[in-house]
Amino acid sequence: MVLTRLKAKSERKLAKQICKVVLDHFEKQYSKELGDSWNTVRIPDRMPSERHQIGSLKKYYLLNAASLLPVLALELKDGEKVLDLCAAPGGKSVALLQCAYPGYLHCNEYDSLRLKWLRQTLESFIPQSLVNEIKVSELDGREMGDAEPEMFDKVLVDAPCSNDRSWLFSSDSQKAACRISQRGELPVLQIELLRSAVKSLRPGGLLVYSTCTLSKAENQDVISEIVNSCSNIMPVDITDMARACSRDFTFAPTGQECGILVIPEKGKAWGPMYVAKLKKSWTV
């Protein structure tokens, strides 16, 4: 009875936090792009996270299950050199280390506040035996390709995006309106980050691009631009991943064999998460 009341109170609190400015914007855009699928999105329950304590490893990390798909798509193998270009808050970096023992993991984050968050995550989850295999940097991701050309076997670009879930719960309507007005600039940044990632990737290497938005402009359109403008980049079919995960996730059509889009649905509240996979060829 007590748990029921607490859950009801939590749901009321979450509902009050939804930003109407963002919701109205999403309604107009996503009802057109996703049709009936947009109506399946629901408000998820939340589990408390553990506090950061210096010198103490945490027992669990709260990660949206769909966030594991970009990590799995990268197909990391022992000994490979890996770049997590936009690594904060660090959940995917931690997940990468659970998939294999890389020869070298470079975690980069340009935003200074998010960099602090990334460092705390790594301190909270990475045992001392792995610390020497990890480098943390604060470089503008658009400069990484020139700084580390053809250095990495695998590159993850979990790009800055509209972050639909976070925006929907914005407490400041004016800030939310400002974010929406600047939303059209994000694909330019995302394309520049991907071009840099391509430079940093060795020939034959794999690149995975991901966002946590439903926006076609930030997802399919960005990947189409890279594939069409980079002669050494080839799309990699990942439709098998969607089929293998169809019991646990709901997917919306993307029109791309190299890209999949997880959308939240009642009973399957994971996402949104867009994942696209590319490969760098040996010849230009």
Protein backbone atom coordinates (compact mmCIF):
# COMPACT_ATOMS: atom_id res chain seq x y z
CA MET A 1 0.00 0.00 0.00
CA VAL A 2 2.83 2.36 0.95
CA LEU A 3 4.76 1.48 -2.24
CA THR A 4 1.63 2.13 -4.30
CA ARG A 5 1.23 5.59 -2.78
CA LEU A 6 4.92 6.38 -3.28
CA LYS A 7 4.74 5.29 -6.93
CA ALA A 8 1.63 7.39 -7.52
CA LYS A 9 3.32 10.38 -5.88
CA SER A 10 6.41 9.87 -8.07
CA GLU A 11 4.31 9.67 -11.23
CA ARG A 12 2.47 12.88 -10.31
CA LYS A 13 5.80 14.60 -9.70
CA LEU A 14 7.17 13.48 -13.07
CA ALA A 15 4.02 14.55 -14.85
CA LYS A 16 4.28 18.05 -13.33
CA GLN A 17 7.84 18.38 -14.61
CA ILE A 18 6.98 17.88 -18.27
CA CYS A 19 7.74 21.07 -20.19
CA LYS A 20 4.75 22.08 -22.32
CA VAL A 21 6.90 24.16 -24.69
CA VAL A 22 8.99 21.10 -25.56
CA LEU A 23 6.01 18.74 -25.64
CA ASP A 24 4.12 20.98 -28.09
CA HIS A 25 7.20 21.16 -30.32
CA PHE A 26 7.65 17.40 -30.24
CA GLU A 27 3.96 16.81 -30.97
CA LYS A 28 4.15 18.86 -34.16
CA GLN A 29 7.42 17.34 -35.43
CA TYR A 30 7.19 13.69 -34.40
CA SER A 31 3.52 13.16 -35.21
CA LYS A 32 4.57 13.90 -38.81
CA GLU A 33 7.83 11.91 -38.82
CA LEU A 34 6.67 8.89 -36.79
CA GLY A 35 2.90 8.82 -37.25
CA ASP A 36 1.09 6.55 -34.79
CA SER A 37 4.39 5.41 -33.26
CA TRP A 38 4.70 8.79 -31.53
CA ASN A 39 1.63 7.96 -29.44
CA THR A 40 3.39 4.98 -27.81
CA VAL A 41 5.84 7.08 -25.81
CA ARG A 42 5.22 7.02 -22.06
CA ILE A 43 6.77 8.36 -18.84
CA PRO A 44 9.08 5.73 -17.26
CA ASP A 45 9.58 4.90 -13.59
CA ARG A 46 12.91 5.97 -12.18
CA MET A 47 15.40 4.17 -9.96
CA PRO A 48 17.77 6.11 -7.67
CA SER A 49 21.45 6.20 -8.60
CA GLU A 50 24.34 5.61 -6.21
CA ARG A 51 26.37 8.59 -5.02
CA HIS A 52 29.96 9.08 -6.13
CA GLN A 53 32.47 8.23 -3.38
CA ILE A 54 36.19 8.68 -3.97
CA GLY A 55 38.04 5.36 -3.75
CA SER A 56 34.89 3.26 -3.81
CA LEU A 57 33.52 1.35 -6.80
CA LYS A 58 29.78 1.51 -7.36
CA LYS A 59 27.68 -1.63 -7.60
CA TYR A 60 25.52 -0.60 -10.57
CA TYR A 61 25.17 2.05 -13.28
CA LEU A 62 21.77 3.31 -14.39
CA LEU A 63 21.71 3.08 -18.18
CA ASN A 64 18.80 3.08 -20.57
CA ALA A 65 18.88 -0.41 -22.08
CA ALA A 66 18.78 1.03 -25.60
CA SER A 67 22.09 2.77 -24.86
CA LEU A 68 23.78 -0.63 -25.00
CA LEU A 69 22.94 -1.05 -28.69
CA PRO A 70 25.63 1.39 -29.96
CA VAL A 71 28.17 -0.41 -27.77
CA LEU A 72 27.18 -3.84 -29.08
CA ALA A 73 27.10 -2.57 -32.68
CA LEU A 74 30.76 -1.58 -32.35
CA GLU A 75 31.74 -5.28 -31.94
CA LEU A 76 34.73 -4.50 -29.76
CA LYS A 77 37.47 -7.14 -29.59
CA ASP A 78 40.35 -7.64 -27.15
CA GLY A 79 43.40 -5.54 -27.92
CA GLU A 80 41.69 -3.00 -30.18
CA LYS A 81 42.20 0.76 -29.92
CA VAL A 82 38.88 2.49 -29.25
CA LEU A 83 37.77 6.12 -29.25
CA ASP A 84 34.65 7.31 -27.41
CA LEU A 85 34.55 10.78 -28.97
CA CYS A 86 31.76 12.35 -26.90
CA ALA A 87 32.11 10.16 -23.83
CA ALA A 88 30.31 11.92 -20.96
CA PRO A 89 28.65 10.92 -18.75
CA GLY A 90 30.60 7.66 -19.29
CA GLY A 91 28.01 4.89 -19.28
CA LYS A 92 28.91 3.68 -22.75
CA SER A 93 32.63 3.78 -21.92
CA VAL A 94 31.98 1.52 -18.94
CA ALA A 95 29.86 -0.77 -21.11
CA LEU A 96 32.63 -0.97 -23.72
CA LEU A 97 35.01 -2.28 -21.07
CA GLN A 98 32.49 -4.96 -20.17
CA CYS A 99 32.46 -6.21 -23.78
CA ALA A 100 36.20 -6.73 -24.25
CA TYR A 101 39.66 -5.81 -22.96
CA PRO A 102 40.78 -3.04 -25.33
CA GLY A 103 44.42 -2.33 -25.92
CA TYR A 104 43.62 1.35 -25.49
CA LEU A 105 40.44 3.30 -24.71
CA HIS A 106 40.40 7.03 -25.36
CA CYS A 107 37.49 8.84 -23.68
CA ASN A 108 37.07 12.41 -24.92
CA GLU A 109 34.69 15.12 -23.71
CA TYR A 110 34.90 18.79 -24.72
CA ASP A 111 32.44 20.26 -22.22
CA SER A 112 34.26 20.93 -18.94
CA LEU A 113 31.29 20.20 -16.66
CA ARG A 114 30.48 16.97 -18.48
CA LEU A 115 34.19 16.06 -18.38
CA LYS A 116 34.05 16.19 -14.57
CA TRP A 117 31.03 13.89 -14.70
CA LEU A 118 32.92 11.50 -16.99
CA ARG A 119 35.93 11.37 -14.66
CA GLN A 120 33.67 10.60 -11.71
CA THR A 121 31.99 7.79 -13.63
CA LEU A 122 35.32 6.21 -14.55
CA GLU A 123 36.56 6.56 -10.96
CA SER A 124 33.35 4.92 -9.71
CA PHE A 125 33.38 1.90 -12.03
CA ILE A 126 36.84 1.22 -13.43
CA PRO A 127 39.13 -0.98 -11.29
CA GLN A 128 42.75 0.11 -10.83
CA SER A 129 43.98 -2.71 -13.08
CA LEU A 130 42.37 -1.03 -16.09
CA VAL A 131 43.23 2.61 -15.37
CA ASN A 132 46.44 2.57 -17.43
CA GLU A 133 44.50 1.41 -20.52
CA ILE A 134 42.32 4.53 -20.49
CA LYS A 135 43.09 8.08 -21.59
CA VAL A 136 40.74 10.99 -20.84
CA SER A 137 40.96 14.19 -22.88
CA GLU A 138 39.11 17.51 -23.25
CA LEU A 139 39.59 18.10 -26.97
CA ASP A 140 37.03 19.60 -29.31
CA GLY A 141 35.82 16.44 -31.05
CA ARG A 142 35.94 18.21 -34.40
CA GLU A 143 39.75 18.39 -34.02
CA MET A 144 40.33 14.77 -33.02
CA GLY A 145 40.78 13.54 -36.58
CA ASP A 146 43.69 15.90 -37.16
CA ALA A 147 45.18 15.22 -33.72
CA GLU A 148 44.94 11.40 -33.99
CA PRO A 149 44.71 10.48 -37.71
CA GLU A 150 43.89 6.81 -38.47
CA MET A 151 44.67 5.90 -34.86
CA PHE A 152 41.65 3.81 -33.87
CA ASP A 153 40.18 0.44 -34.82
CA LYS A 154 36.72 1.41 -33.52
CA VAL A 155 35.12 4.82 -32.94
CA LEU A 156 31.90 5.62 -31.10
CA VAL A 157 30.27 9.00 -31.74
CA ASP A 158 27.44 9.34 -29.24
CA ALA A 159 26.79 12.84 -30.49
CA PRO A 160 25.37 15.88 -28.70
CA CYS A 161 21.71 15.95 -29.73
CA SER A 162 18.25 17.20 -28.83
CA ASN A 163 18.11 14.58 -26.03
CA ASP A 164 14.33 14.27 -26.18
CA ARG A 165 13.80 12.75 -22.74
CA SER A 166 15.87 15.39 -20.97
CA TRP A 167 14.35 18.28 -22.90
CA LEU A 168 10.84 17.04 -22.20
CA PHE A 169 11.48 17.38 -18.46
CA SER A 170 13.01 20.87 -18.68
CA SER A 171 12.04 22.94 -15.64
CA ASP A 172 12.81 26.26 -17.34
CA SER A 173 10.40 27.03 -20.19
CA GLN A 174 12.53 29.92 -21.47
CA LYS A 175 15.63 27.73 -21.60
CA ALA A 176 13.60 25.03 -23.33
CA ALA A 177 12.37 27.52 -25.94
CA CYS A 178 15.98 28.62 -26.53
CA ARG A 179 17.07 25.00 -27.02
CA ILE A 180 14.31 24.46 -29.56
CA SER A 181 15.29 27.57 -31.51
CA GLN A 182 18.89 26.32 -31.68
CA ARG A 183 17.91 22.77 -32.58
CA GLY A 184 18.50 23.29 -36.29
CA GLU A 185 22.20 23.93 -35.66
CA LEU A 186 22.85 20.48 -34.18
CA PRO A 187 23.10 18.52 -37.47
CA VAL A 188 25.95 20.80 -38.57
CA LEU A 189 27.89 19.95 -35.40
CA GLN A 190 27.06 16.26 -35.70
CA ILE A 191 28.31 16.10 -39.28
CA GLU A 192 31.55 17.87 -38.31
CA LEU A 193 32.08 15.40 -35.46
CA LEU A 194 31.55 12.47 -37.81
CA ARG A 195 33.98 13.84 -40.36
CA SER A 196 36.59 14.11 -37.62
CA ALA A 197 35.78 10.58 -36.45
CA VAL A 198 36.28 9.27 -39.99
CA LYS A 199 39.77 10.83 -40.06
CA SER A 200 40.68 9.22 -36.74
CA LEU A 201 39.52 5.77 -37.89
CA ARG A 202 42.01 3.42 -39.53
CA PRO A 203 41.11 1.86 -42.89
CA GLY A 204 38.97 -1.21 -42.30
CA GLY A 205 37.77 0.17 -38.96
CA LEU A 206 34.18 0.52 -37.75
CA LEU A 207 32.37 3.69 -36.71
CA VAL A 208 29.08 3.78 -34.79
CA TYR A 209 26.99 6.96 -34.57
CA SER A 210 24.23 7.30 -32.00
CA THR A 211 21.82 9.88 -30.60
CA CYS A 212 19.00 9.85 -28.07
CA THR A 213 16.59 11.82 -30.25
CA LEU A 214 13.82 10.84 -32.67
CA SER A 215 14.74 13.69 -35.02
CA LYS A 216 15.30 12.58 -38.62
CA ALA A 217 17.43 15.67 -39.25
CA GLU A 218 19.86 14.57 -36.52
CA ASN A 219 19.74 10.88 -37.41
CA GLN A 220 19.11 9.58 -40.93
CA ASP A 221 19.90 12.90 -42.64
CA VAL A 222 23.27 13.21 -40.88
CA ILE A 223 24.29 9.68 -41.86
CA SER A 224 23.10 10.17 -45.45
CA GLU A 225 25.28 13.28 -45.71
CA ILE A 226 28.37 11.41 -44.49
CA VAL A 227 27.80 8.38 -46.73
CA ASN A 228 27.15 10.57 -49.77
CA SER A 229 30.09 12.92 -49.22
CA CYS A 230 32.82 10.55 -47.92
CA SER A 231 33.93 8.17 -50.67
CA ASN A 232 35.86 6.01 -48.18
CA ILE A 233 32.84 5.37 -45.93
CA MET A 234 30.43 2.47 -46.47
CA PRO A 235 27.16 1.76 -44.64
CA VAL A 236 26.99 -1.50 -42.68
CA ASP A 237 23.69 -3.38 -42.52
CA ILE A 238 22.50 -3.74 -38.89
CA THR A 239 18.93 -4.83 -39.50
CA ASP A 240 19.85 -8.21 -37.98
CA MET A 241 20.43 -6.44 -34.68
CA ALA A 242 16.90 -5.02 -34.76
CA ARG A 243 15.44 -8.44 -35.49
CA ALA A 244 17.46 -10.07 -32.70
CA CYS A 245 16.32 -7.44 -30.18
CA SER A 246 12.69 -7.11 -31.32
CA ARG A 247 11.35 -8.86 -28.20
CA ASP A 248 12.96 -6.28 -25.93
CA PHE A 249 12.78 -3.09 -28.00
CA THR A 250 10.31 -1.38 -30.32
CA PHE A 251 11.81 -0.10 -33.57
CA ALA A 252 10.50 2.57 -35.92
CA PRO A 253 11.37 2.39 -39.64
CA THR A 254 14.36 4.51 -40.68
CA GLY A 255 14.57 3.79 -44.39
CA GLN A 256 18.21 2.76 -43.86
CA GLU A 257 19.76 -0.68 -43.54
CA CYS A 258 22.69 0.87 -41.65
CA GLY A 259 20.47 2.68 -39.13
CA ILE A 260 17.92 1.60 -36.51
CA LEU A 261 15.69 3.68 -34.22
CA VAL A 262 14.41 2.50 -30.84
CA ILE A 263 11.23 4.23 -29.67
CA PRO A 264 9.69 4.02 -26.20
CA GLU A 265 6.48 2.03 -25.90
CA LYS A 266 4.29 0.94 -23.00
CA GLY A 267 6.01 -2.05 -21.43
CA LYS A 268 9.20 -1.31 -23.42
CA ALA A 269 10.14 2.17 -22.27
CA TRP A 270 13.69 2.12 -23.66
CA GLY A 271 14.89 4.84 -25.99
CA PRO A 272 14.73 6.92 -27.99
CA MET A 273 18.02 5.72 -29.43
CA TYR A 274 19.23 5.96 -33.02
CA VAL A 275 22.19 3.79 -34.01
CA ALA A 276 24.02 3.77 -37.34
CA LYS A 277 27.06 1.73 -38.35
CA LEU A 278 29.69 2.65 -40.93
CA LYS A 279 32.97 1.17 -42.16
CA LYS A 280 36.05 2.90 -43.55
CA SER A 281 37.33 1.34 -46.73
CA TRP A 282 40.97 0.80 -47.63
CA THR A 283 40.77 2.91 -50.79
CA VAL A 284 39.35 6.38 -51.46
